[in-house]
Amino acid sequence: MHYEGPIYRPPSEANSLLVQATVGCPHNRCTFCMVYKKGPRYKVRPVADICKDLLEAAQTHGTRVSTLFFPAGNTIAMKTADLCEICRYAYQVFPNLKRVTVYGSFQYIHKKGPEGLKQLAEAGLSRIHVGLESGDDVVLRRIQKGTHSDQAIEAGRWVMDSGIELSLYVMIGIGGQDRTKPHATETARVLNAVASTFIRLRTFLPKIDTPLLDDVVSGRFKMLGPHAAIQEIQRIIKPLMVTSQLTSDHYTNYIALEGRLPEDKPRIMARIKSALKRDESSFRPFYVGTQ
């Protein structure tokens, strides 16, 4: 098995086999992300090498593998034909495989178009994990996400129409104090327009070796405290009219929220209101992330 550079996976892929398909991230300009700032540079591994690793893993783990995640940071940017090939091969060598997933940003998903996504669905790609972060175009420009809300909506709808599950990550507090309301309003708008399979919350935490940490330290970016962050979640969830699974499965979050929308919204909103009654000193302290 071959691995190069940092290997990250979503919390929900904790039990998945990790077989590296790409190295680094082709965008690598997000101001909040530290993962690949020091390299390695983005590249796609040869299909033959990926298949060799898949076969080696199959010989070792055999029937025990039911879920597979292809790192690294933006594997959806692979050529569609190559990604289809490794997906199909994975199902050949793992007889009990039920799910194949990747990370992908909307600018690269959009390049696939509806037809490319349908091809990937037919090849067995089951789920794409996407960092939406925000639906506010001002925030997206500030953090250099490389996409905009209209593109996110169009690409997100294409994914859902293809039959591939879409797991959207929303970053609470990424707009800072000055954009918290538009960030919440616009993010809810995008979430309603896309109606993704999953909505996953994570709270902005400045990381070492990132431009956004410099802004936090200098005071140019003013972070939300626990109550303001939870209020932002409240503003996002309240107007949602989607059928989605909501979860906050991330260590950065101040409170744990889990439920099926729309039926569990009253319980989720009650949990938020209860959290807002707690003293702010009872929540996790501010710190700078190192991973």
Protein backbone atom coordinates (compact mmCIF):
# COMPACT_ATOMS: atom_id res chain seq x y z
CA MET A 1 0.00 0.00 0.00
CA HIS A 2 1.28 3.43 -0.97
CA TYR A 3 0.58 6.68 0.92
CA GLU A 4 2.09 10.12 0.31
CA GLY A 5 1.53 13.36 2.19
CA PRO A 6 -1.20 13.99 4.77
CA ILE A 7 -4.06 11.49 4.68
CA TYR A 8 -7.35 12.89 5.95
CA ARG A 9 -10.81 11.38 5.86
CA PRO A 10 -14.25 12.53 7.04
CA PRO A 11 -15.31 11.37 10.53
CA SER A 12 -18.08 9.30 8.93
CA GLU A 13 -15.43 7.32 7.03
CA ALA A 14 -13.67 6.18 10.21
CA ASN A 15 -14.31 2.51 9.41
CA SER A 16 -13.61 2.78 5.69
CA LEU A 17 -10.61 1.37 3.90
CA LEU A 18 -8.38 4.22 2.70
CA VAL A 19 -6.69 3.73 -0.66
CA GLN A 20 -4.93 6.83 -1.97
CA ALA A 21 -5.97 7.94 -5.45
CA THR A 22 -4.65 11.50 -5.49
CA VAL A 23 -1.99 13.45 -3.61
CA GLY A 24 -2.55 16.93 -2.21
CA CYS A 25 -5.21 19.35 -3.41
CA PRO A 26 -5.40 21.03 -6.85
CA HIS A 27 -6.84 24.24 -5.35
CA ASN A 28 -4.89 24.54 -2.08
CA ARG A 29 -5.69 28.23 -1.58
CA CYS A 30 -8.42 28.15 1.09
CA THR A 31 -7.26 30.56 3.79
CA PHE A 32 -8.54 28.39 6.67
CA CYS A 33 -6.94 25.10 5.55
CA MET A 34 -3.48 23.99 6.68
CA VAL A 35 -3.47 20.46 5.30
CA TYR A 36 -1.40 20.90 2.13
CA LYS A 37 0.08 24.38 2.55
CA LYS A 38 3.54 22.85 2.92
CA GLY A 39 2.98 20.28 0.18
CA PRO A 40 3.03 17.89 -1.43
CA ARG A 41 1.89 19.30 -4.76
CA TYR A 42 -1.26 17.89 -6.27
CA LYS A 43 -1.00 14.89 -8.55
CA VAL A 44 -3.10 11.93 -9.59
CA ARG A 45 -1.65 8.49 -9.00
CA PRO A 46 -1.55 6.16 -12.02
CA VAL A 47 -4.65 3.99 -12.27
CA ALA A 48 -2.49 0.86 -12.41
CA ASP A 49 -0.86 1.77 -9.08
CA ILE A 50 -4.21 2.46 -7.43
CA CYS A 51 -5.58 -0.86 -8.65
CA LYS A 52 -2.46 -2.61 -7.38
CA ASP A 53 -3.12 -1.19 -3.90
CA LEU A 54 -6.78 -2.19 -4.12
CA LEU A 55 -5.81 -5.75 -4.99
CA GLU A 56 -3.23 -5.89 -2.19
CA ALA A 57 -5.83 -4.65 0.30
CA ALA A 58 -8.34 -7.20 -0.99
CA GLN A 59 -5.85 -10.01 -0.50
CA THR A 60 -5.28 -8.82 3.08
CA HIS A 61 -8.79 -7.79 4.15
CA GLY A 62 -10.96 -9.68 1.67
CA THR A 63 -14.63 -9.79 2.59
CA ARG A 64 -14.25 -7.49 5.60
CA VAL A 65 -14.28 -4.31 3.47
CA SER A 66 -17.73 -2.79 3.02
CA THR A 67 -16.83 0.90 2.64
CA LEU A 68 -13.95 2.52 0.77
CA PHE A 69 -12.68 6.12 0.76
CA PHE A 70 -10.26 7.39 -1.89
CA PRO A 71 -8.03 10.19 -0.43
CA ALA A 72 -6.67 12.84 -0.83
CA GLY A 73 -8.12 16.35 -0.71
CA ASN A 74 -9.98 16.58 -4.01
CA THR A 75 -10.12 13.17 -5.65
CA ILE A 76 -13.18 14.20 -7.67
CA ALA A 77 -10.74 16.24 -9.79
CA MET A 78 -9.44 13.02 -11.36
CA LYS A 79 -10.37 12.36 -14.96
CA THR A 80 -13.85 10.91 -14.97
CA ALA A 81 -12.82 7.80 -16.90
CA ASP A 82 -9.99 7.06 -14.44
CA LEU A 83 -12.17 7.54 -11.37
CA CYS A 84 -14.82 5.30 -12.93
CA GLU A 85 -12.20 2.64 -13.59
CA ILE A 86 -10.93 2.47 -10.01
CA CYS A 87 -14.50 2.47 -8.66
CA ARG A 88 -15.47 -0.46 -10.87
CA TYR A 89 -12.29 -2.34 -10.01
CA ALA A 90 -12.93 -1.85 -6.29
CA TYR A 91 -16.30 -3.58 -6.58
CA GLN A 92 -14.63 -6.42 -8.47
CA VAL A 93 -12.05 -7.16 -5.79
CA PHE A 94 -14.17 -6.49 -2.68
CA PRO A 95 -17.26 -8.72 -2.88
CA ASN A 96 -19.04 -7.04 0.04
CA LEU A 97 -18.30 -3.45 -0.93
CA LYS A 98 -21.34 -1.24 -0.46
CA ARG A 99 -19.99 2.33 -0.57
CA VAL A 100 -17.20 4.24 -2.36
CA THR A 101 -16.63 7.87 -1.41
CA VAL A 102 -14.35 10.82 -2.17
CA TYR A 103 -13.70 14.43 -1.22
CA GLY A 104 -14.58 17.01 -3.85
CA SER A 105 -14.95 20.78 -4.19
CA PHE A 106 -17.79 22.24 -6.21
CA GLN A 107 -15.56 23.85 -8.83
CA TYR A 108 -14.25 20.39 -9.78
CA ILE A 109 -17.63 18.69 -9.45
CA HIS A 110 -19.07 21.33 -11.78
CA LYS A 111 -16.48 20.46 -14.43
CA LYS A 112 -17.86 16.91 -14.54
CA GLY A 113 -21.27 18.13 -15.67
CA PRO A 114 -24.43 16.04 -15.30
CA GLU A 115 -23.21 13.35 -17.69
CA GLY A 116 -19.88 12.86 -15.95
CA LEU A 117 -21.60 12.51 -12.61
CA LYS A 118 -24.04 9.98 -14.01
CA GLN A 119 -21.09 7.96 -15.33
CA LEU A 120 -19.50 8.02 -11.88
CA ALA A 121 -22.76 6.92 -10.27
CA GLU A 122 -23.04 4.03 -12.70
CA ALA A 123 -19.43 3.06 -11.91
CA GLY A 124 -20.32 2.86 -8.22
CA LEU A 125 -19.26 6.18 -6.71
CA SER A 126 -21.67 6.41 -3.79
CA ARG A 127 -21.00 9.67 -1.98
CA ILE A 128 -19.09 12.93 -2.37
CA HIS A 129 -17.99 14.89 0.70
CA VAL A 130 -18.00 18.63 -0.10
CA GLY A 131 -16.89 21.57 1.99
CA LEU A 132 -19.59 24.10 1.18
CA GLU A 133 -18.34 26.18 4.14
CA SER A 134 -20.72 29.07 3.32
CA GLY A 135 -23.42 30.12 0.90
CA ASP A 136 -22.36 33.77 1.23
CA ASP A 137 -20.37 34.84 -1.82
CA VAL A 138 -18.59 37.55 0.18
CA VAL A 139 -17.33 34.94 2.62
CA LEU A 140 -16.41 32.52 -0.16
CA ARG A 141 -14.28 35.20 -1.82
CA ARG A 142 -12.62 36.13 1.46
CA ILE A 143 -11.62 32.56 2.24
CA GLN A 144 -10.57 31.96 -1.40
CA LYS A 145 -12.77 28.91 -1.74
CA GLY A 146 -12.61 29.03 -5.52
CA THR A 147 -16.34 28.71 -6.08
CA HIS A 148 -19.54 30.72 -5.63
CA SER A 149 -23.06 30.01 -4.49
CA ASP A 150 -24.66 29.66 -7.94
CA GLN A 151 -22.04 27.11 -8.94
CA ALA A 152 -22.53 25.26 -5.66
CA ILE A 153 -26.29 25.06 -6.22
CA GLU A 154 -26.00 23.87 -9.79
CA ALA A 155 -23.28 21.31 -9.11
CA GLY A 156 -25.01 20.14 -5.94
CA ARG A 157 -28.26 19.54 -7.81
CA TRP A 158 -26.38 17.61 -10.48
CA VAL A 159 -24.90 15.34 -7.82
CA MET A 160 -28.28 14.69 -6.25
CA ASP A 161 -29.90 14.10 -9.64
CA SER A 162 -27.20 11.57 -10.53
CA GLY A 163 -28.08 9.40 -7.53
CA ILE A 164 -24.77 10.03 -5.74
CA GLU A 165 -25.17 10.97 -2.09
CA LEU A 166 -23.99 14.48 -1.23
CA SER A 167 -22.49 15.27 2.17
CA LEU A 168 -22.23 19.05 2.64
CA TYR A 169 -20.03 20.58 5.33
CA VAL A 170 -21.03 23.97 6.74
CA MET A 171 -18.42 25.95 8.67
CA ILE A 172 -19.97 27.81 11.58
CA GLY A 173 -18.29 31.15 12.28
CA ILE A 174 -16.30 31.35 9.04
CA GLY A 175 -17.87 34.72 8.29
CA GLY A 176 -16.63 36.21 11.54
CA GLN A 177 -18.65 38.68 13.55
CA ASP A 178 -19.30 41.04 10.65
CA ARG A 179 -20.80 38.42 8.28
CA THR A 180 -22.51 36.05 10.71
CA LYS A 181 -26.06 36.98 9.67
CA PRO A 182 -25.54 36.99 5.88
CA HIS A 183 -23.43 33.85 6.20
CA ALA A 184 -26.31 32.10 7.98
CA THR A 185 -29.00 33.44 5.64
CA GLU A 186 -27.16 32.61 2.43
CA THR A 187 -26.00 29.23 3.66
CA ALA A 188 -29.59 28.27 4.46
CA ARG A 189 -30.58 29.45 0.97
CA VAL A 190 -28.01 27.18 -0.69
CA LEU A 191 -28.90 24.23 1.54
CA ASN A 192 -32.57 24.62 0.65
CA ALA A 193 -31.75 24.84 -3.05
CA VAL A 194 -29.54 21.76 -3.08
CA ALA A 195 -31.36 19.54 -0.55
CA SER A 196 -28.27 17.41 0.06
CA THR A 197 -28.33 13.96 1.61
CA PHE A 198 -26.31 15.11 4.63
CA ILE A 199 -25.66 18.47 6.28
CA ARG A 200 -22.65 18.33 8.56
CA LEU A 201 -21.69 21.17 10.89
CA ARG A 202 -18.19 22.09 11.90
CA THR A 203 -17.11 25.22 13.76
CA PHE A 204 -14.29 27.40 12.48
CA LEU A 205 -11.11 26.93 14.48
CA PRO A 206 -7.99 28.80 13.31
CA LYS A 207 -5.18 26.45 12.33
CA ILE A 208 -1.42 26.90 12.35
CA ASP A 209 0.28 27.86 9.09
CA THR A 210 -2.86 29.45 7.61
CA PRO A 211 -3.52 33.01 6.39
CA LEU A 212 -6.74 33.15 8.40
CA LEU A 213 -4.86 32.57 11.64
CA ASP A 214 -2.80 35.68 10.87
CA ASP A 215 -6.06 37.61 10.46
CA VAL A 216 -7.35 36.31 13.80
CA VAL A 217 -4.14 37.22 15.62
CA SER A 218 -4.05 40.71 14.07
CA GLY A 219 -7.71 41.35 14.87
CA ARG A 220 -8.74 41.67 11.23
CA PHE A 221 -10.97 38.61 11.70
CA LYS A 222 -13.13 38.66 14.81
CA MET A 223 -14.26 35.20 15.84
CA LEU A 224 -17.62 34.23 17.25
CA GLY A 225 -17.88 33.16 20.85
CA PRO A 226 -19.81 30.00 21.82
CA HIS A 227 -23.22 31.68 22.10
CA ALA A 228 -22.83 33.61 18.84
CA ALA A 229 -21.74 30.43 17.04
CA ILE A 230 -24.74 28.51 18.37
CA GLN A 231 -27.03 31.39 17.38
CA GLU A 232 -25.59 31.17 13.88
CA ILE A 233 -26.52 27.48 13.76
CA GLN A 234 -30.01 28.45 14.89
CA ARG A 235 -30.29 30.97 12.03
CA ILE A 236 -29.18 28.35 9.50
CA ILE A 237 -31.44 25.53 10.64
CA LYS A 238 -34.63 27.52 11.33
CA PRO A 239 -35.48 28.29 7.64
CA LEU A 240 -34.47 24.86 6.29
CA MET A 241 -37.20 23.04 4.37
CA VAL A 242 -35.21 20.02 3.21
CA THR A 243 -35.21 16.30 3.72
CA SER A 244 -31.66 15.80 4.96
CA GLN A 245 -29.70 14.14 7.75
CA LEU A 246 -28.20 16.79 10.03
CA THR A 247 -25.19 16.00 12.15
CA SER A 248 -22.39 17.81 13.95
CA ASP A 249 -19.84 15.01 14.02
CA HIS A 250 -16.74 17.16 14.48
CA TYR A 251 -14.47 17.92 17.41
CA THR A 252 -14.64 21.69 16.80
CA ASN A 253 -18.34 22.00 17.62
CA TYR A 254 -19.69 23.44 20.86
CA ILE A 255 -22.76 21.19 20.95
CA ALA A 256 -23.74 17.87 19.40
CA LEU A 257 -26.74 17.97 17.10
CA GLU A 258 -28.16 14.98 15.27
CA GLY A 259 -31.44 14.35 13.54
CA ARG A 260 -33.50 13.89 10.44
CA LEU A 261 -34.96 16.99 8.84
CA PRO A 262 -37.69 18.05 8.84
CA GLU A 263 -39.20 15.73 11.46
CA ASP A 264 -36.50 16.24 14.09
CA LYS A 265 -36.22 20.00 13.71
CA PRO A 266 -38.30 20.82 16.84
CA ARG A 267 -36.05 18.63 18.99
CA ILE A 268 -32.89 20.11 17.42
CA MET A 269 -34.10 23.68 17.93
CA ALA A 270 -34.95 22.89 21.54
CA ARG A 271 -31.42 21.54 22.04
CA ILE A 272 -30.02 24.79 20.65
CA LYS A 273 -32.19 26.92 22.93
CA SER A 274 -31.06 24.87 25.92
CA ALA A 275 -27.40 25.35 24.97
CA LEU A 276 -27.87 29.12 24.76
CA LYS A 277 -28.89 29.13 28.43
CA ARG A 278 -25.54 27.70 29.49
CA ASP A 279 -22.78 29.98 30.66
CA GLU A 280 -20.18 30.50 27.94
CA SER A 281 -17.45 29.34 30.31
CA SER A 282 -18.95 25.82 30.17
CA PHE A 283 -18.04 25.38 26.50
CA ARG A 284 -14.67 24.35 25.11
CA PRO A 285 -12.03 27.11 25.27
CA PHE A 286 -10.55 28.89 22.26
CA TYR A 287 -7.40 27.30 20.92
CA VAL A 288 -5.37 27.12 17.73
CA GLY A 289 -5.66 23.85 15.86
CA THR A 290 -2.62 21.87 14.82
CA GLN A 291 -4.21 19.23 12.60
